[in-house]
Amino acid sequence: MSTVVPGRLYLVPTLLAPSAPEDVLPARTIAIARGLVHYIVENAKPARGFLKALGPAVPIRNIVIDEIGDTPTPARCAALLAPARDGHDLGLLSDAGCPGIADPGALVVAAAHREGIAVVPLVGPSSLVRALMASGMNGQRFTFHGYLPVKPDARAEAIRRLEADSQASGGAQLFIETPYRNAALLSALVATLKPATRLAVAADLTSASETIESRPAGEWRGRDPARYDKRPALFILQA
């Protein structure tokens, strides 16, 4: 009686901004992604756009694309991994950047490990790593916090707490915001942080309009925060 060898779960990085895949992704990543016909994705529409840009080996209509959902249950994760149990390689795709980081794909990856399915991370753009590399801040000790609170008082308290944590540890503190609230967050950071605390903003990473600025919070005062409005951005502070 033959035993089916499980397929692999490839973690496929996608683009951070509109660009040609070959300008951002390594040839091996593109080659593997082009050959996969089973995908688990955060959202189907951007996934189809990315796969179409890659020039897949089969027509898009023949590629099986299953959405993860916001918080997949263990049963849903198991169902998504069914092709791998049947011996087919799978791709995991986020909306932007690396899957499994700040998206629900991490739950699928954990399920794959529990089932003994090999997980293969492919090389591609990570906004966290690119921003930290270019910030001049501590790349040996850092924490990613996702989104800060939206309400002004809670947001200011969170900023003060991150600054205090950075002061105590020497580590960099990374966080993001919905693009249309970038200006409000930047204004809050400038108003709340001590003047000497360093603040970096990395926006539109990998695109033609990419900007990465890193300076003490006091030097951000008087600069128009609206120029970051509606631009995907990552924020880093270090006291």
C-alpha atoms as a PDB file:
ATOM      1  CA  MET A   1       0.000   0.000   0.000  1.00  0.00           C
ATOM      2  CA  SER A   2       1.510   3.322  -1.076  1.00  0.00           C
ATOM      3  CA  THR A   3       1.680   6.324   1.230  1.00  0.00           C
ATOM      4  CA  VAL A   4       1.022   9.815  -0.092  1.00  0.00           C
ATOM      5  CA  VAL A   5       3.940  12.157   0.577  1.00  0.00           C
ATOM      6  CA  PRO A   6       2.535  15.479   1.807  1.00  0.00           C
ATOM      7  CA  GLY A   7       3.086  18.532  -0.331  1.00  0.00           C
ATOM      8  CA  ARG A   8       4.970  21.561   0.947  1.00  0.00           C
ATOM      9  CA  LEU A   9       3.543  24.863   2.129  1.00  0.00           C
ATOM     10  CA  TYR A  10       5.464  27.644   0.387  1.00  0.00           C
ATOM     11  CA  LEU A  11       5.299  31.071   2.011  1.00  0.00           C
ATOM     12  CA  VAL A  12       5.256  33.333  -1.039  1.00  0.00           C
ATOM     13  CA  PRO A  13       6.136  37.018  -0.517  1.00  0.00           C
ATOM     14  CA  THR A  14       4.152  39.406  -2.662  1.00  0.00           C
ATOM     15  CA  LEU A  15       4.725  43.024  -3.666  1.00  0.00           C
ATOM     16  CA  LEU A  16       4.528  45.951  -1.254  1.00  0.00           C
ATOM     17  CA  ALA A  17       3.587  48.381  -4.027  1.00  0.00           C
ATOM     18  CA  PRO A  18       2.743  48.254  -7.737  1.00  0.00           C
ATOM     19  CA  SER A  19       5.879  47.178  -9.592  1.00  0.00           C
ATOM     20  CA  ALA A  20       7.183  44.473 -11.889  1.00  0.00           C
ATOM     21  CA  PRO A  21       7.697  41.250  -9.861  1.00  0.00           C
ATOM     22  CA  GLU A  22      11.166  40.738 -11.318  1.00  0.00           C
ATOM     23  CA  ASP A  23      12.232  44.146  -9.948  1.00  0.00           C
ATOM     24  CA  VAL A  24      11.486  43.036  -6.373  1.00  0.00           C
ATOM     25  CA  LEU A  25      11.409  39.247  -6.126  1.00  0.00           C
ATOM     26  CA  PRO A  26      14.288  36.776  -6.644  1.00  0.00           C
ATOM     27  CA  ALA A  27      14.132  34.472  -9.662  1.00  0.00           C
ATOM     28  CA  ARG A  28      13.690  31.342  -7.504  1.00  0.00           C
ATOM     29  CA  THR A  29      10.692  32.827  -5.693  1.00  0.00           C
ATOM     30  CA  ILE A  30       9.055  33.780  -8.991  1.00  0.00           C
ATOM     31  CA  ALA A  31       9.762  30.356 -10.534  1.00  0.00           C
ATOM     32  CA  ILE A  32       8.230  28.448  -7.610  1.00  0.00           C
ATOM     33  CA  ALA A  33       5.217  30.764  -7.345  1.00  0.00           C
ATOM     34  CA  ARG A  34       4.524  30.455 -11.080  1.00  0.00           C
ATOM     35  CA  GLY A  35       4.336  26.681 -10.838  1.00  0.00           C
ATOM     36  CA  LEU A  36       1.899  26.392  -7.927  1.00  0.00           C
ATOM     37  CA  VAL A  37      -1.751  25.636  -8.681  1.00  0.00           C
ATOM     38  CA  HIS A  38      -3.081  25.677  -5.098  1.00  0.00           C
ATOM     39  CA  TYR A  39      -3.036  28.905  -3.078  1.00  0.00           C
ATOM     40  CA  ILE A  40      -4.214  29.991   0.350  1.00  0.00           C
ATOM     41  CA  VAL A  41      -4.607  33.774   0.325  1.00  0.00           C
ATOM     42  CA  GLU A  42      -5.627  36.640   2.556  1.00  0.00           C
ATOM     43  CA  ASN A  43      -7.922  38.108  -0.120  1.00  0.00           C
ATOM     44  CA  ALA A  44      -8.623  36.669  -3.559  1.00  0.00           C
ATOM     45  CA  LYS A  45      -8.716  39.856  -5.645  1.00  0.00           C
ATOM     46  CA  PRO A  46      -5.164  41.134  -4.914  1.00  0.00           C
ATOM     47  CA  ALA A  47      -3.905  37.543  -5.051  1.00  0.00           C
ATOM     48  CA  ARG A  48      -5.230  37.091  -8.591  1.00  0.00           C
ATOM     49  CA  GLY A  49      -3.655  40.384  -9.634  1.00  0.00           C
ATOM     50  CA  PHE A  50      -0.274  39.315  -8.281  1.00  0.00           C
ATOM     51  CA  LEU A  51      -0.446  35.847  -9.833  1.00  0.00           C
ATOM     52  CA  LYS A  52      -1.435  37.324 -13.182  1.00  0.00           C
ATOM     53  CA  ALA A  53       1.607  39.639 -13.024  1.00  0.00           C
ATOM     54  CA  LEU A  54       3.849  36.609 -12.394  1.00  0.00           C
ATOM     55  CA  GLY A  55       2.712  34.862 -15.583  1.00  0.00           C
ATOM     56  CA  PRO A  56       1.697  31.521 -14.021  1.00  0.00           C
ATOM     57  CA  ALA A  57       2.308  28.176 -15.715  1.00  0.00           C
ATOM     58  CA  VAL A  58      -1.459  27.551 -16.019  1.00  0.00           C
ATOM     59  CA  PRO A  59      -4.374  29.936 -16.640  1.00  0.00           C
ATOM     60  CA  ILE A  60      -5.569  31.814 -13.558  1.00  0.00           C
ATOM     61  CA  ARG A  61      -8.963  30.107 -13.816  1.00  0.00           C
ATOM     62  CA  ASN A  62      -7.238  26.753 -13.241  1.00  0.00           C
ATOM     63  CA  ILE A  63      -5.513  27.890 -10.044  1.00  0.00           C
ATOM     64  CA  VAL A  64      -7.374  26.987  -6.847  1.00  0.00           C
ATOM     65  CA  ILE A  65      -7.481  30.066  -4.622  1.00  0.00           C
ATOM     66  CA  ASP A  66      -8.934  29.732  -1.097  1.00  0.00           C
ATOM     67  CA  GLU A  67      -9.300  32.727   1.230  1.00  0.00           C
ATOM     68  CA  ILE A  68      -8.114  32.342   4.816  1.00  0.00           C
ATOM     69  CA  GLY A  69     -10.652  34.589   6.536  1.00  0.00           C
ATOM     70  CA  ASP A  70      -9.845  36.994   9.367  1.00  0.00           C
ATOM     71  CA  THR A  71      -9.478  34.430  12.156  1.00  0.00           C
ATOM     72  CA  PRO A  72      -9.538  30.894  10.741  1.00  0.00           C
ATOM     73  CA  THR A  73     -10.560  28.160  13.158  1.00  0.00           C
ATOM     74  CA  PRO A  74      -8.456  25.000  13.525  1.00  0.00           C
ATOM     75  CA  ALA A  75     -11.030  23.181  11.387  1.00  0.00           C
ATOM     76  CA  ARG A  76     -10.753  25.839   8.670  1.00  0.00           C
ATOM     77  CA  CYS A  77      -6.942  25.663   8.720  1.00  0.00           C
ATOM     78  CA  ALA A  78      -7.127  21.886   8.373  1.00  0.00           C
ATOM     79  CA  ALA A  79      -9.476  22.225   5.401  1.00  0.00           C
ATOM     80  CA  LEU A  80      -7.187  24.751   3.717  1.00  0.00           C
ATOM     81  CA  LEU A  81      -4.255  22.335   4.027  1.00  0.00           C
ATOM     82  CA  ALA A  82      -6.137  19.431   2.425  1.00  0.00           C
ATOM     83  CA  PRO A  83      -4.272  19.709  -0.929  1.00  0.00           C
ATOM     84  CA  ALA A  84      -0.931  19.319   0.871  1.00  0.00           C
ATOM     85  CA  ARG A  85      -2.175  16.181   2.601  1.00  0.00           C
ATOM     86  CA  ASP A  86      -3.071  14.868  -0.857  1.00  0.00           C
ATOM     87  CA  GLY A  87       0.480  15.439  -2.067  1.00  0.00           C
ATOM     88  CA  HIS A  88       0.146  18.866  -3.741  1.00  0.00           C
ATOM     89  CA  ASP A  89       2.402  21.821  -3.025  1.00  0.00           C
ATOM     90  CA  LEU A  90       0.584  24.880  -1.677  1.00  0.00           C
ATOM     91  CA  GLY A  91       1.353  28.599  -1.707  1.00  0.00           C
ATOM     92  CA  LEU A  92       0.446  30.972   1.136  1.00  0.00           C
ATOM     93  CA  LEU A  93      -0.008  34.573   0.026  1.00  0.00           C
ATOM     94  CA  SER A  94      -0.634  37.743   2.024  1.00  0.00           C
ATOM     95  CA  ASP A  95      -2.095  40.955   0.596  1.00  0.00           C
ATOM     96  CA  ALA A  96       1.309  42.665   0.806  1.00  0.00           C
ATOM     97  CA  GLY A  97       4.798  41.622   1.839  1.00  0.00           C
ATOM     98  CA  CYS A  98       5.565  38.414   3.707  1.00  0.00           C
ATOM     99  CA  PRO A  99       2.801  35.975   4.710  1.00  0.00           C
ATOM    100  CA  GLY A 100       2.462  35.043   8.344  1.00  0.00           C
ATOM    101  CA  ILE A 101       3.556  38.474   9.592  1.00  0.00           C
ATOM    102  CA  ALA A 102       0.704  40.773  10.666  1.00  0.00           C
ATOM    103  CA  ASP A 103      -1.821  38.616   8.810  1.00  0.00           C
ATOM    104  CA  PRO A 104      -3.893  35.497   9.566  1.00  0.00           C
ATOM    105  CA  GLY A 105      -1.534  33.236   7.616  1.00  0.00           C
ATOM    106  CA  ALA A 106       0.427  32.506  10.793  1.00  0.00           C
ATOM    107  CA  LEU A 107      -2.428  30.266  11.989  1.00  0.00           C
ATOM    108  CA  VAL A 108      -2.214  28.209   8.805  1.00  0.00           C
ATOM    109  CA  VAL A 109       1.560  27.890   9.187  1.00  0.00           C
ATOM    110  CA  ALA A 110       1.140  26.679  12.780  1.00  0.00           C
ATOM    111  CA  ALA A 111      -1.429  24.119  11.602  1.00  0.00           C
ATOM    112  CA  ALA A 112       0.965  22.893   8.916  1.00  0.00           C
ATOM    113  CA  HIS A 113       3.663  22.276  11.510  1.00  0.00           C
ATOM    114  CA  ARG A 114       1.214  20.313  13.659  1.00  0.00           C
ATOM    115  CA  GLU A 115       0.375  18.103  10.694  1.00  0.00           C
ATOM    116  CA  GLY A 116       4.004  17.528   9.735  1.00  0.00           C
ATOM    117  CA  ILE A 117       3.694  19.487   6.468  1.00  0.00           C
ATOM    118  CA  ALA A 118       7.003  21.051   5.457  1.00  0.00           C
ATOM    119  CA  VAL A 119       6.960  24.871   5.566  1.00  0.00           C
ATOM    120  CA  VAL A 120       9.251  26.622   3.073  1.00  0.00           C
ATOM    121  CA  PRO A 121       9.677  30.419   3.415  1.00  0.00           C
ATOM    122  CA  LEU A 122      10.671  32.121   0.161  1.00  0.00           C
ATOM    123  CA  VAL A 123      12.688  35.330  -0.121  1.00  0.00           C
ATOM    124  CA  GLY A 124      10.893  38.602  -0.820  1.00  0.00           C
ATOM    125  CA  PRO A 125      10.150  42.087   0.517  1.00  0.00           C
ATOM    126  CA  SER A 126       9.339  42.587   4.196  1.00  0.00           C
ATOM    127  CA  SER A 127       8.329  46.142   5.113  1.00  0.00           C
ATOM    128  CA  LEU A 128       9.452  45.562   8.709  1.00  0.00           C
ATOM    129  CA  VAL A 129      12.956  44.466   7.759  1.00  0.00           C
ATOM    130  CA  ARG A 130      13.426  47.065   5.023  1.00  0.00           C
ATOM    131  CA  ALA A 131      12.305  49.925   7.253  1.00  0.00           C
ATOM    132  CA  LEU A 132      14.449  48.785  10.183  1.00  0.00           C
ATOM    133  CA  MET A 133      17.492  48.338   7.942  1.00  0.00           C
ATOM    134  CA  ALA A 134      17.158  51.899   6.679  1.00  0.00           C
ATOM    135  CA  SER A 135      16.253  53.555   9.998  1.00  0.00           C
ATOM    136  CA  GLY A 136      19.661  53.400  11.657  1.00  0.00           C
ATOM    137  CA  MET A 137      18.032  51.996  14.794  1.00  0.00           C
ATOM    138  CA  ASN A 138      18.667  48.847  16.828  1.00  0.00           C
ATOM    139  CA  GLY A 139      18.403  45.849  14.506  1.00  0.00           C
ATOM    140  CA  GLN A 140      19.397  43.403  17.254  1.00  0.00           C
ATOM    141  CA  ARG A 141      16.595  44.244  19.662  1.00  0.00           C
ATOM    142  CA  PHE A 142      13.231  45.343  18.323  1.00  0.00           C
ATOM    143  CA  THR A 143       9.503  44.707  18.748  1.00  0.00           C
ATOM    144  CA  PHE A 144       6.658  44.968  16.240  1.00  0.00           C
ATOM    145  CA  HIS A 145       3.378  46.114  17.806  1.00  0.00           C
ATOM    146  CA  GLY A 146       0.992  46.187  14.854  1.00  0.00           C
ATOM    147  CA  TYR A 147      -1.558  48.995  15.213  1.00  0.00           C
ATOM    148  CA  LEU A 148      -1.666  51.527  18.054  1.00  0.00           C
ATOM    149  CA  PRO A 149      -5.008  52.634  19.551  1.00  0.00           C
ATOM    150  CA  VAL A 150      -7.069  55.081  17.478  1.00  0.00           C
ATOM    151  CA  LYS A 151      -8.529  57.186  20.286  1.00  0.00           C
ATOM    152  CA  PRO A 152      -6.195  60.132  21.065  1.00  0.00           C
ATOM    153  CA  ASP A 153      -5.758  59.562  24.813  1.00  0.00           C
ATOM    154  CA  ALA A 154      -5.157  55.823  24.478  1.00  0.00           C
ATOM    155  CA  ARG A 155      -2.807  56.407  21.524  1.00  0.00           C
ATOM    156  CA  ALA A 156      -0.753  58.972  23.462  1.00  0.00           C
ATOM    157  CA  GLU A 157      -0.504  56.577  26.407  1.00  0.00           C
ATOM    158  CA  ALA A 158       0.652  53.777  24.087  1.00  0.00           C
ATOM    159  CA  ILE A 159       3.299  56.059  22.571  1.00  0.00           C
ATOM    160  CA  ARG A 160       4.616  57.013  26.015  1.00  0.00           C
ATOM    161  CA  ARG A 161       4.716  53.336  27.004  1.00  0.00           C
ATOM    162  CA  LEU A 162       6.679  52.373  23.857  1.00  0.00           C
ATOM    163  CA  GLU A 163       9.101  55.213  24.459  1.00  0.00           C
ATOM    164  CA  ALA A 164       9.625  54.104  28.058  1.00  0.00           C
ATOM    165  CA  ASP A 165      10.138  50.495  26.972  1.00  0.00           C
ATOM    166  CA  SER A 166      12.677  51.595  24.383  1.00  0.00           C
ATOM    167  CA  GLN A 167      14.471  53.743  26.978  1.00  0.00           C
ATOM    168  CA  ALA A 168      14.698  50.762  29.325  1.00  0.00           C
ATOM    169  CA  SER A 169      15.763  48.152  26.750  1.00  0.00           C
ATOM    170  CA  GLY A 170      17.514  50.143  24.043  1.00  0.00           C
ATOM    171  CA  GLY A 171      15.283  48.401  21.516  1.00  0.00           C
ATOM    172  CA  ALA A 172      13.494  49.798  18.496  1.00  0.00           C
ATOM    173  CA  GLN A 173       9.680  49.860  18.546  1.00  0.00           C
ATOM    174  CA  LEU A 174       7.899  49.263  15.210  1.00  0.00           C
ATOM    175  CA  PHE A 175       4.224  49.861  14.410  1.00  0.00           C
ATOM    176  CA  ILE A 176       1.868  50.615  11.536  1.00  0.00           C
ATOM    177  CA  GLU A 177      -1.330  52.527  10.855  1.00  0.00           C
ATOM    178  CA  THR A 178      -4.142  52.534   8.324  1.00  0.00           C
ATOM    179  CA  PRO A 179      -2.810  54.877   5.589  1.00  0.00           C
ATOM    180  CA  TYR A 180      -5.587  57.464   5.894  1.00  0.00           C
ATOM    181  CA  ARG A 181      -4.718  57.906   9.608  1.00  0.00           C
ATOM    182  CA  ASN A 182      -0.956  58.341   9.077  1.00  0.00           C
ATOM    183  CA  ALA A 183      -1.052  62.119   9.471  1.00  0.00           C
ATOM    184  CA  ALA A 184      -2.943  61.873  12.777  1.00  0.00           C
ATOM    185  CA  LEU A 185      -0.491  59.283  14.111  1.00  0.00           C
ATOM    186  CA  LEU A 186       2.560  61.273  13.065  1.00  0.00           C
ATOM    187  CA  SER A 187       1.138  64.412  14.693  1.00  0.00           C
ATOM    188  CA  ALA A 188       0.518  62.453  17.902  1.00  0.00           C
ATOM    189  CA  LEU A 189       4.049  61.038  17.866  1.00  0.00           C
ATOM    190  CA  VAL A 190       5.627  64.460  17.429  1.00  0.00           C
ATOM    191  CA  ALA A 191       3.468  65.943  20.174  1.00  0.00           C
ATOM    192  CA  THR A 192       4.063  63.090  22.646  1.00  0.00           C
ATOM    193  CA  LEU A 193       7.650  61.919  22.206  1.00  0.00           C
ATOM    194  CA  LYS A 194      10.612  63.566  23.900  1.00  0.00           C
ATOM    195  CA  PRO A 195      12.559  65.738  21.432  1.00  0.00           C
ATOM    196  CA  ALA A 196      15.637  63.466  21.502  1.00  0.00           C
ATOM    197  CA  THR A 197      13.744  60.214  20.809  1.00  0.00           C
ATOM    198  CA  ARG A 198      14.439  59.067  17.274  1.00  0.00           C
ATOM    199  CA  LEU A 199      11.504  58.613  14.933  1.00  0.00           C
ATOM    200  CA  ALA A 200      11.582  57.029  11.473  1.00  0.00           C
ATOM    201  CA  VAL A 201       8.822  56.850   8.879  1.00  0.00           C
ATOM    202  CA  ALA A 202       9.214  54.527   5.883  1.00  0.00           C
ATOM    203  CA  ALA A 203       6.524  55.022   3.233  1.00  0.00           C
ATOM    204  CA  ASP A 204       5.704  53.465  -0.147  1.00  0.00           C
ATOM    205  CA  LEU A 205       8.513  50.927   0.238  1.00  0.00           C
ATOM    206  CA  THR A 206       9.834  49.450  -3.049  1.00  0.00           C
ATOM    207  CA  SER A 207       7.839  51.955  -5.138  1.00  0.00           C
ATOM    208  CA  ALA A 208       9.082  54.919  -7.175  1.00  0.00           C
ATOM    209  CA  SER A 209       7.720  57.257  -4.464  1.00  0.00           C
ATOM    210  CA  GLU A 210       9.541  55.485  -1.591  1.00  0.00           C
ATOM    211  CA  THR A 211      10.703  57.772   1.212  1.00  0.00           C
ATOM    212  CA  ILE A 212      12.535  56.802   4.410  1.00  0.00           C
ATOM    213  CA  GLU A 213      13.209  59.561   6.954  1.00  0.00           C
ATOM    214  CA  SER A 214      14.815  59.095  10.367  1.00  0.00           C
ATOM    215  CA  ARG A 215      15.531  61.957  12.780  1.00  0.00           C
ATOM    216  CA  PRO A 216      14.938  63.041  16.410  1.00  0.00           C
ATOM    217  CA  ALA A 217      11.280  63.727  17.188  1.00  0.00           C
ATOM    218  CA  GLY A 218      12.061  67.386  17.836  1.00  0.00           C
ATOM    219  CA  GLU A 219      13.250  67.764  14.235  1.00  0.00           C
ATOM    220  CA  TRP A 220       9.925  66.442  12.916  1.00  0.00           C
ATOM    221  CA  ARG A 221       8.121  69.449  14.375  1.00  0.00           C
ATOM    222  CA  GLY A 222       7.043  71.938  11.751  1.00  0.00           C
ATOM    223  CA  ARG A 223       7.057  69.332   8.978  1.00  0.00           C
ATOM    224  CA  ASP A 224       3.726  68.699   7.280  1.00  0.00           C
ATOM    225  CA  PRO A 225       2.395  65.262   8.364  1.00  0.00           C
ATOM    226  CA  ALA A 226      -0.171  65.294   5.538  1.00  0.00           C
ATOM    227  CA  ARG A 227       2.487  64.237   3.042  1.00  0.00           C
ATOM    228  CA  TYR A 228       2.205  60.719   4.502  1.00  0.00           C
ATOM    229  CA  ASP A 229      -1.560  60.584   4.139  1.00  0.00           C
ATOM    230  CA  LYS A 230      -2.894  57.582   2.200  1.00  0.00           C
ATOM    231  CA  ARG A 231       0.601  56.082   1.795  1.00  0.00           C
ATOM    232  CA  PRO A 232       1.415  52.645   3.254  1.00  0.00           C
ATOM    233  CA  ALA A 233       3.940  53.423   5.986  1.00  0.00           C
ATOM    234  CA  LEU A 234       5.826  51.887   8.869  1.00  0.00           C
ATOM    235  CA  PHE A 235       6.836  53.855  11.977  1.00  0.00           C
ATOM    236  CA  ILE A 236       9.832  53.201  14.232  1.00  0.00           C
ATOM    237  CA  LEU A 237      10.882  54.925  17.438  1.00  0.00           C
ATOM    238  CA  GLN A 238      13.919  54.477  19.657  1.00  0.00           C
ATOM    239  CA  ALA A 239      14.653  56.403  22.823  1.00  0.00           C
END
